[in-house]
Amino acid sequence: MSRACKKLRTELQEAKHLTVFLRTSPFSEKDAPYSTSKSIALDRPSSDTRIFLAKAMQLLDSLWVTGYRYAKAGVMLADFYDPGVYQPSLFDDPIVQRKSDQALMLLMDKLNTKHANTIWFASQGTKQNWSMKRELLSPAYTTAWQELPVAK
């Protein structure tokens, strides 16, 4: 969720719709297949990680079924807006609250870019050392000069 919101801010976008999904492995012979998802619409578009994390955890709690070995989980954002383009409701006061929220998120992005993930939300866990398995990574002949095969 944090990476998705950072990407929103990088692309100067806001989203109003969040979907969370879970599934077990479709190739497992031991486990029963299970796949589910839920969506929620925010009251107004946002790129604030705190708002999306709270909604994502709420959806995840309602989707989670104990006993399954989940193989994939993720989030999807939709209904994108440029900042300031969304028409608020009559009773909204988005200007006051949003400036401080945007400043906080931009500060977090700046710190994490400059000092490699020095600050994150508690719901992201205490260790930030996960990385993709790369031992079976396909060569990138078409995008990396150093990976072109050399004829001998």
N, C-alpha and C. Protein backbone atom coordinates (compact mmCIF):
# COMPACT_ATOMS: atom_id res chain seq x y z
N MET A 1 0.82 -1.17 0.00
CA MET A 1 0.00 0.00 0.00
C MET A 1 0.87 1.25 0.00
N SER A 2 1.95 1.18 0.76
CA SER A 2 2.86 2.31 0.86
C SER A 2 3.50 2.62 -0.49
N ARG A 3 3.92 1.58 -1.20
CA ARG A 3 4.53 1.78 -2.53
C ARG A 3 3.52 2.34 -3.53
N ALA A 4 2.30 1.87 -3.46
CA ALA A 4 1.26 2.35 -4.38
C ALA A 4 0.98 3.84 -4.15
N CYS A 5 0.91 4.24 -2.89
CA CYS A 5 0.65 5.65 -2.58
C CYS A 5 1.83 6.52 -2.95
N LYS A 6 3.04 6.01 -2.76
CA LYS A 6 4.23 6.78 -3.16
C LYS A 6 4.22 6.99 -4.67
N LYS A 7 3.82 5.96 -5.40
CA LYS A 7 3.74 6.08 -6.86
C LYS A 7 2.68 7.11 -7.26
N LEU A 8 1.56 7.12 -6.56
CA LEU A 8 0.54 8.14 -6.80
C LEU A 8 1.12 9.54 -6.65
N ARG A 9 1.83 9.75 -5.55
CA ARG A 9 2.40 11.07 -5.31
C ARG A 9 3.47 11.43 -6.34
N THR A 10 4.26 10.45 -6.74
CA THR A 10 5.30 10.68 -7.76
C THR A 10 4.68 11.11 -9.08
N GLU A 11 3.54 10.51 -9.42
CA GLU A 11 2.87 10.81 -10.69
C GLU A 11 1.85 11.95 -10.56
N LEU A 12 1.86 12.63 -9.39
CA LEU A 12 0.94 13.74 -9.12
C LEU A 12 -0.51 13.36 -9.39
N GLN A 13 -0.92 12.25 -8.75
CA GLN A 13 -2.27 11.74 -8.89
C GLN A 13 -2.86 11.45 -7.51
N GLU A 14 -4.15 11.31 -7.46
CA GLU A 14 -4.87 10.86 -6.28
C GLU A 14 -5.87 9.81 -6.72
N ALA A 15 -6.19 8.88 -5.84
CA ALA A 15 -7.15 7.82 -6.15
C ALA A 15 -8.30 7.86 -5.16
N LYS A 16 -9.43 7.35 -5.61
CA LYS A 16 -10.62 7.34 -4.75
C LYS A 16 -11.12 5.93 -4.48
N HIS A 17 -10.61 4.93 -5.18
CA HIS A 17 -11.13 3.57 -5.09
C HIS A 17 -9.99 2.61 -4.74
N LEU A 18 -10.21 1.73 -3.77
CA LEU A 18 -9.21 0.77 -3.31
C LEU A 18 -9.79 -0.64 -3.36
N THR A 19 -9.03 -1.57 -3.91
CA THR A 19 -9.40 -2.99 -3.91
C THR A 19 -8.27 -3.77 -3.26
N VAL A 20 -8.61 -4.69 -2.36
CA VAL A 20 -7.66 -5.59 -1.72
C VAL A 20 -8.04 -7.01 -2.13
N PHE A 21 -7.03 -7.82 -2.51
CA PHE A 21 -7.33 -9.20 -2.91
C PHE A 21 -6.37 -10.17 -2.24
N LEU A 22 -6.84 -11.40 -2.09
CA LEU A 22 -6.07 -12.52 -1.53
C LEU A 22 -6.36 -13.76 -2.35
N ARG A 23 -5.37 -14.64 -2.45
CA ARG A 23 -5.65 -15.93 -3.09
C ARG A 23 -4.61 -16.96 -2.67
N THR A 24 -5.02 -18.22 -2.72
CA THR A 24 -4.09 -19.32 -2.48
C THR A 24 -3.47 -19.69 -3.83
N SER A 25 -2.51 -20.56 -3.81
CA SER A 25 -1.85 -20.95 -5.05
C SER A 25 -2.79 -21.80 -5.90
N PRO A 26 -2.96 -21.45 -7.18
CA PRO A 26 -3.81 -22.28 -8.04
C PRO A 26 -3.13 -23.60 -8.42
N PHE A 27 -1.84 -23.74 -8.11
CA PHE A 27 -1.09 -24.94 -8.49
C PHE A 27 -0.91 -25.92 -7.34
N SER A 28 -1.33 -25.54 -6.14
CA SER A 28 -1.15 -26.39 -4.97
C SER A 28 -2.17 -27.53 -4.98
N GLU A 29 -1.66 -28.73 -4.79
CA GLU A 29 -2.55 -29.90 -4.70
C GLU A 29 -2.99 -30.15 -3.26
N LYS A 30 -2.26 -29.58 -2.30
CA LYS A 30 -2.58 -29.78 -0.89
C LYS A 30 -3.72 -28.87 -0.42
N ASP A 31 -3.72 -27.64 -0.92
CA ASP A 31 -4.66 -26.63 -0.42
C ASP A 31 -5.87 -26.48 -1.32
N ALA A 32 -7.00 -26.21 -0.69
CA ALA A 32 -8.21 -25.91 -1.44
C ALA A 32 -8.05 -24.52 -2.08
N PRO A 33 -8.52 -24.35 -3.30
CA PRO A 33 -8.40 -23.02 -3.92
C PRO A 33 -9.30 -22.01 -3.23
N TYR A 34 -8.76 -20.83 -3.04
CA TYR A 34 -9.52 -19.76 -2.40
C TYR A 34 -9.05 -18.43 -2.96
N SER A 35 -9.98 -17.62 -3.39
CA SER A 35 -9.65 -16.31 -3.93
C SER A 35 -10.78 -15.36 -3.57
N THR A 36 -10.42 -14.18 -3.12
CA THR A 36 -11.43 -13.22 -2.72
C THR A 36 -10.89 -11.80 -2.85
N SER A 37 -11.79 -10.86 -2.96
CA SER A 37 -11.40 -9.45 -3.00
C SER A 37 -12.56 -8.60 -2.52
N LYS A 38 -12.22 -7.42 -2.06
CA LYS A 38 -13.22 -6.42 -1.65
C LYS A 38 -12.72 -5.05 -2.03
N SER A 39 -13.66 -4.18 -2.30
CA SER A 39 -13.34 -2.81 -2.69
C SER A 39 -14.05 -1.81 -1.80
N ILE A 40 -13.51 -0.61 -1.78
CA ILE A 40 -14.12 0.48 -1.03
C ILE A 40 -13.80 1.79 -1.75
N ALA A 41 -14.75 2.70 -1.69
CA ALA A 41 -14.54 4.02 -2.28
C ALA A 41 -14.34 5.02 -1.15
N LEU A 42 -13.33 5.86 -1.29
CA LEU A 42 -13.08 6.91 -0.31
C LEU A 42 -14.08 8.05 -0.51
N ASP A 43 -14.25 8.86 0.50
CA ASP A 43 -15.13 10.02 0.38
C ASP A 43 -14.60 11.03 -0.62
N ARG A 44 -13.27 11.16 -0.65
CA ARG A 44 -12.65 12.07 -1.62
C ARG A 44 -11.30 11.47 -2.03
N PRO A 45 -10.80 11.81 -3.20
CA PRO A 45 -9.52 11.25 -3.66
C PRO A 45 -8.37 11.63 -2.73
N SER A 46 -7.37 10.76 -2.65
CA SER A 46 -6.24 10.99 -1.77
C SER A 46 -5.01 10.26 -2.29
N SER A 47 -3.86 10.68 -1.82
CA SER A 47 -2.62 9.94 -2.03
C SER A 47 -1.93 9.73 -0.68
N ASP A 48 -2.68 9.95 0.40
CA ASP A 48 -2.17 9.83 1.76
C ASP A 48 -2.09 8.35 2.15
N THR A 49 -0.89 7.89 2.44
CA THR A 49 -0.67 6.49 2.78
C THR A 49 -1.46 6.10 4.02
N ARG A 50 -1.57 6.99 4.99
CA ARG A 50 -2.28 6.66 6.24
C ARG A 50 -3.74 6.32 5.98
N ILE A 51 -4.39 7.06 5.12
CA ILE A 51 -5.80 6.82 4.81
C ILE A 51 -5.95 5.46 4.12
N PHE A 52 -5.10 5.21 3.12
CA PHE A 52 -5.21 3.94 2.38
C PHE A 52 -4.82 2.74 3.24
N LEU A 53 -3.83 2.90 4.12
CA LEU A 53 -3.46 1.79 5.01
C LEU A 53 -4.61 1.42 5.93
N ALA A 54 -5.27 2.41 6.50
CA ALA A 54 -6.40 2.14 7.39
C ALA A 54 -7.52 1.40 6.65
N LYS A 55 -7.84 1.85 5.44
CA LYS A 55 -8.89 1.20 4.65
C LYS A 55 -8.47 -0.19 4.21
N ALA A 56 -7.20 -0.34 3.83
CA ALA A 56 -6.71 -1.66 3.39
C ALA A 56 -6.75 -2.67 4.53
N MET A 57 -6.36 -2.25 5.73
CA MET A 57 -6.41 -3.15 6.88
C MET A 57 -7.85 -3.52 7.23
N GLN A 58 -8.75 -2.58 7.09
CA GLN A 58 -10.17 -2.84 7.34
C GLN A 58 -10.68 -3.89 6.35
N LEU A 59 -10.34 -3.75 5.09
CA LEU A 59 -10.76 -4.73 4.07
C LEU A 59 -10.08 -6.08 4.30
N LEU A 60 -8.80 -6.06 4.63
CA LEU A 60 -8.07 -7.31 4.85
C LEU A 60 -8.66 -8.09 6.02
N ASP A 61 -9.00 -7.40 7.08
CA ASP A 61 -9.62 -8.07 8.24
C ASP A 61 -10.92 -8.76 7.85
N SER A 62 -11.68 -8.16 6.95
CA SER A 62 -12.95 -8.76 6.55
C SER A 62 -12.75 -9.91 5.55
N LEU A 63 -11.60 -9.94 4.86
CA LEU A 63 -11.33 -10.99 3.86
C LEU A 63 -10.64 -12.21 4.45
N TRP A 64 -9.85 -12.01 5.48
CA TRP A 64 -8.97 -13.05 6.01
C TRP A 64 -9.75 -14.22 6.57
N VAL A 65 -9.37 -15.42 6.13
CA VAL A 65 -9.94 -16.66 6.66
C VAL A 65 -8.76 -17.49 7.17
N THR A 66 -8.76 -17.78 8.45
CA THR A 66 -7.66 -18.56 9.04
C THR A 66 -7.68 -19.98 8.51
N GLY A 67 -6.50 -20.54 8.26
CA GLY A 67 -6.39 -21.91 7.80
C GLY A 67 -5.91 -22.03 6.37
N TYR A 68 -5.99 -20.98 5.60
CA TYR A 68 -5.50 -20.99 4.22
C TYR A 68 -4.05 -20.54 4.18
N ARG A 69 -3.30 -21.12 3.25
CA ARG A 69 -1.93 -20.69 3.01
C ARG A 69 -1.97 -19.78 1.78
N TYR A 70 -1.97 -18.49 2.02
CA TYR A 70 -2.09 -17.52 0.93
C TYR A 70 -0.79 -17.42 0.14
N ALA A 71 -0.93 -17.38 -1.17
CA ALA A 71 0.24 -17.28 -2.05
C ALA A 71 0.38 -15.89 -2.64
N LYS A 72 -0.71 -15.15 -2.70
CA LYS A 72 -0.65 -13.82 -3.31
C LYS A 72 -1.67 -12.92 -2.65
N ALA A 73 -1.24 -11.69 -2.41
CA ALA A 73 -2.13 -10.66 -1.88
C ALA A 73 -1.70 -9.34 -2.49
N GLY A 74 -2.62 -8.44 -2.62
CA GLY A 74 -2.24 -7.16 -3.20
C GLY A 74 -3.35 -6.14 -3.10
N VAL A 75 -3.01 -4.95 -3.58
CA VAL A 75 -3.96 -3.85 -3.61
C VAL A 75 -3.99 -3.26 -5.00
N MET A 76 -5.12 -2.71 -5.37
CA MET A 76 -5.27 -2.00 -6.64
C MET A 76 -5.96 -0.68 -6.36
N LEU A 77 -5.49 0.35 -7.01
CA LEU A 77 -6.10 1.67 -6.89
C LEU A 77 -6.77 2.02 -8.20
N ALA A 78 -7.86 2.77 -8.12
CA ALA A 78 -8.60 3.18 -9.33
C ALA A 78 -9.28 4.51 -9.08
N ASP A 79 -9.95 5.00 -10.09
CA ASP A 79 -10.68 6.26 -10.04
C ASP A 79 -9.72 7.41 -9.71
N PHE A 80 -8.82 7.68 -10.64
CA PHE A 80 -7.74 8.65 -10.43
C PHE A 80 -8.17 10.08 -10.75
N TYR A 81 -7.58 11.00 -10.01
CA TYR A 81 -7.84 12.42 -10.17
C TYR A 81 -6.53 13.19 -10.09
N ASP A 82 -6.47 14.31 -10.79
CA ASP A 82 -5.37 15.24 -10.58
C ASP A 82 -5.65 15.96 -9.26
N PRO A 83 -4.60 16.30 -8.50
CA PRO A 83 -4.84 17.01 -7.24
C PRO A 83 -5.60 18.32 -7.46
N GLY A 84 -6.61 18.54 -6.65
CA GLY A 84 -7.39 19.77 -6.73
C GLY A 84 -8.48 19.78 -7.77
N VAL A 85 -8.67 18.71 -8.52
CA VAL A 85 -9.69 18.67 -9.57
C VAL A 85 -11.02 18.14 -9.05
N TYR A 86 -10.98 17.34 -8.01
CA TYR A 86 -12.19 16.71 -7.47
C TYR A 86 -13.12 17.76 -6.87
N GLN A 87 -14.41 17.63 -7.15
CA GLN A 87 -15.42 18.53 -6.60
C GLN A 87 -15.85 18.02 -5.23
N PRO A 88 -15.49 18.72 -4.14
CA PRO A 88 -15.87 18.24 -2.80
C PRO A 88 -17.36 18.43 -2.56
N SER A 89 -17.85 17.74 -1.54
CA SER A 89 -19.25 17.90 -1.18
C SER A 89 -19.44 19.26 -0.50
N LEU A 90 -20.65 19.62 -0.29
CA LEU A 90 -20.98 20.91 0.30
C LEU A 90 -20.40 21.08 1.70
N PHE A 91 -20.28 19.98 2.46
CA PHE A 91 -19.85 20.05 3.84
C PHE A 91 -18.37 19.73 4.04
N ASP A 92 -17.65 19.45 2.98
CA ASP A 92 -16.21 19.18 3.05
C ASP A 92 -15.42 20.46 3.27
N ASP A 93 -14.32 20.33 3.99
CA ASP A 93 -13.36 21.42 4.12
C ASP A 93 -11.98 20.82 3.82
N PRO A 94 -11.74 20.42 2.58
CA PRO A 94 -10.53 19.68 2.26
C PRO A 94 -9.25 20.51 2.27
N ILE A 95 -9.32 21.80 2.07
CA ILE A 95 -8.13 22.62 1.93
C ILE A 95 -7.28 22.64 3.20
N VAL A 96 -7.89 22.86 4.35
CA VAL A 96 -7.16 23.00 5.61
C VAL A 96 -6.42 21.71 5.96
N GLN A 97 -7.11 20.60 5.90
CA GLN A 97 -6.53 19.33 6.30
C GLN A 97 -5.51 18.82 5.29
N ARG A 98 -5.73 19.00 4.03
CA ARG A 98 -4.91 18.38 3.01
C ARG A 98 -3.50 18.95 2.91
N LYS A 99 -3.30 20.24 3.18
CA LYS A 99 -1.97 20.83 3.06
C LYS A 99 -0.98 20.20 4.04
N SER A 100 -1.39 20.01 5.28
CA SER A 100 -0.49 19.39 6.25
C SER A 100 -0.29 17.91 5.94
N ASP A 101 -1.33 17.23 5.46
CA ASP A 101 -1.20 15.82 5.09
C ASP A 101 -0.23 15.65 3.93
N GLN A 102 -0.36 16.50 2.91
CA GLN A 102 0.53 16.43 1.76
C GLN A 102 1.97 16.71 2.17
N ALA A 103 2.16 17.68 3.04
CA ALA A 103 3.51 18.02 3.50
C ALA A 103 4.15 16.84 4.23
N LEU A 104 3.38 16.15 5.07
CA LEU A 104 3.90 14.99 5.80
C LEU A 104 4.29 13.87 4.83
N MET A 105 3.43 13.56 3.88
CA MET A 105 3.72 12.49 2.93
C MET A 105 4.94 12.83 2.06
N LEU A 106 5.04 14.07 1.63
CA LEU A 106 6.20 14.49 0.83
C LEU A 106 7.49 14.44 1.64
N LEU A 107 7.41 14.79 2.92
CA LEU A 107 8.58 14.70 3.79
C LEU A 107 9.02 13.25 3.94
N MET A 108 8.06 12.35 4.15
CA MET A 108 8.40 10.93 4.26
C MET A 108 9.04 10.42 2.98
N ASP A 109 8.48 10.79 1.83
CA ASP A 109 9.04 10.37 0.54
C ASP A 109 10.47 10.89 0.38
N LYS A 110 10.68 12.14 0.74
CA LYS A 110 12.00 12.76 0.61
C LYS A 110 13.02 12.06 1.50
N LEU A 111 12.65 11.80 2.76
CA LEU A 111 13.55 11.10 3.68
C LEU A 111 13.88 9.70 3.18
N ASN A 112 12.87 8.97 2.74
CA ASN A 112 13.09 7.60 2.28
C ASN A 112 13.89 7.54 0.99
N THR A 113 13.76 8.54 0.14
CA THR A 113 14.55 8.58 -1.09
C THR A 113 16.00 8.90 -0.77
N LYS A 114 16.21 9.86 0.12
CA LYS A 114 17.56 10.31 0.45
C LYS A 114 18.32 9.31 1.32
N HIS A 115 17.62 8.65 2.25
CA HIS A 115 18.29 7.79 3.22
C HIS A 115 17.79 6.34 3.20
N ALA A 116 17.31 5.88 2.09
CA ALA A 116 16.94 4.47 1.87
C ALA A 116 16.05 3.87 2.97
N ASN A 117 14.78 4.18 2.90
CA ASN A 117 13.76 3.62 3.80
C ASN A 117 14.10 3.76 5.27
N THR A 118 14.22 4.98 5.72
CA THR A 118 14.53 5.23 7.13
C THR A 118 13.28 5.40 7.97
N ILE A 119 12.15 5.67 7.35
CA ILE A 119 10.92 5.88 8.10
C ILE A 119 9.77 5.17 7.39
N TRP A 120 8.95 4.47 8.16
CA TRP A 120 7.81 3.77 7.58
C TRP A 120 6.74 3.62 8.65
N PHE A 121 5.58 3.15 8.24
CA PHE A 121 4.45 2.98 9.15
C PHE A 121 4.58 1.66 9.91
N ALA A 122 4.11 1.64 11.14
CA ALA A 122 4.22 0.45 11.98
C ALA A 122 3.54 -0.76 11.35
N SER A 123 2.47 -0.55 10.60
CA SER A 123 1.76 -1.68 9.99
C SER A 123 2.58 -2.34 8.89
N GLN A 124 3.68 -1.72 8.48
CA GLN A 124 4.56 -2.32 7.49
C GLN A 124 5.55 -3.29 8.13
N GLY A 125 5.54 -3.42 9.43
CA GLY A 125 6.44 -4.34 10.12
C GLY A 125 7.71 -3.64 10.58
N THR A 126 8.54 -4.37 11.33
CA THR A 126 9.75 -3.77 11.88
C THR A 126 10.97 -3.98 10.99
N LYS A 127 10.92 -4.94 10.10
CA LYS A 127 12.05 -5.20 9.20
C LYS A 127 11.63 -4.88 7.77
N GLN A 128 12.47 -4.17 7.07
CA GLN A 128 12.18 -3.80 5.69
C GLN A 128 13.22 -4.44 4.76
N ASN A 129 13.45 -5.74 4.89
CA ASN A 129 14.51 -6.38 4.12
C ASN A 129 14.01 -7.37 3.07
N TRP A 130 12.72 -7.34 2.76
CA TRP A 130 12.20 -8.24 1.75
C TRP A 130 12.66 -7.80 0.37
N SER A 131 13.01 -8.75 -0.45
CA SER A 131 13.31 -8.44 -1.84
C SER A 131 12.89 -9.63 -2.70
N MET A 132 12.69 -9.36 -3.95
CA MET A 132 12.24 -10.37 -4.88
C MET A 132 13.30 -11.46 -5.06
N LYS A 133 12.87 -12.72 -5.23
CA LYS A 133 13.80 -13.81 -5.53
C LYS A 133 14.34 -13.57 -6.93
N ARG A 134 15.66 -13.61 -7.06
CA ARG A 134 16.27 -13.28 -8.33
C ARG A 134 17.14 -14.41 -8.89
N GLU A 135 17.16 -15.57 -8.25
CA GLU A 135 18.03 -16.63 -8.75
C GLU A 135 17.58 -17.22 -10.08
N LEU A 136 16.29 -17.10 -10.42
CA LEU A 136 15.79 -17.60 -11.69
C LEU A 136 15.36 -16.47 -12.62
N LEU A 137 15.92 -15.29 -12.43
CA LEU A 137 15.58 -14.12 -13.23
C LEU A 137 16.03 -14.30 -14.68
N SER A 138 15.14 -14.02 -15.61
CA SER A 138 15.48 -14.12 -17.03
C SER A 138 16.46 -13.03 -17.42
N PRO A 139 17.33 -13.32 -18.38
CA PRO A 139 18.25 -12.27 -18.84
C PRO A 139 17.48 -11.14 -19.52
N ALA A 140 18.02 -9.95 -19.46
CA ALA A 140 17.38 -8.78 -20.04
C ALA A 140 18.14 -8.34 -21.29
N TYR A 141 18.22 -9.22 -22.28
CA TYR A 141 18.99 -8.95 -23.50
C TYR A 141 18.54 -7.67 -24.20
N THR A 142 17.24 -7.40 -24.16
CA THR A 142 16.72 -6.27 -24.94
C THR A 142 16.78 -4.94 -24.20
N THR A 143 17.09 -4.96 -22.91
CA THR A 143 17.08 -3.71 -22.15
C THR A 143 18.38 -3.41 -21.42
N ALA A 144 19.33 -4.33 -21.40
CA ALA A 144 20.59 -4.10 -20.68
C ALA A 144 21.76 -4.52 -21.55
N TRP A 145 22.59 -3.55 -21.92
CA TRP A 145 23.74 -3.82 -22.79
C TRP A 145 24.67 -4.86 -22.18
N GLN A 146 24.88 -4.81 -20.88
CA GLN A 146 25.81 -5.72 -20.22
C GLN A 146 25.32 -7.17 -20.23
N GLU A 147 24.07 -7.42 -20.57
CA GLU A 147 23.55 -8.78 -20.60
C GLU A 147 23.47 -9.37 -22.01
N LEU A 148 23.92 -8.62 -23.00
CA LEU A 148 23.94 -9.16 -24.35
C LEU A 148 24.92 -10.32 -24.43
N PRO A 149 24.55 -11.43 -25.10
CA PRO A 149 25.48 -12.55 -25.23
C PRO A 149 26.67 -12.15 -26.11
N VAL A 150 27.82 -12.67 -25.78
CA VAL A 150 29.03 -12.36 -26.53
C VAL A 150 29.45 -13.61 -27.30
N ALA A 151 29.64 -13.46 -28.61
CA ALA A 151 30.08 -14.59 -29.44
C ALA A 151 31.58 -14.73 -29.31
N LYS A 152 32.04 -15.97 -29.15
CA LYS A 152 33.48 -16.23 -29.01
C LYS A 152 34.01 -17.01 -30.17
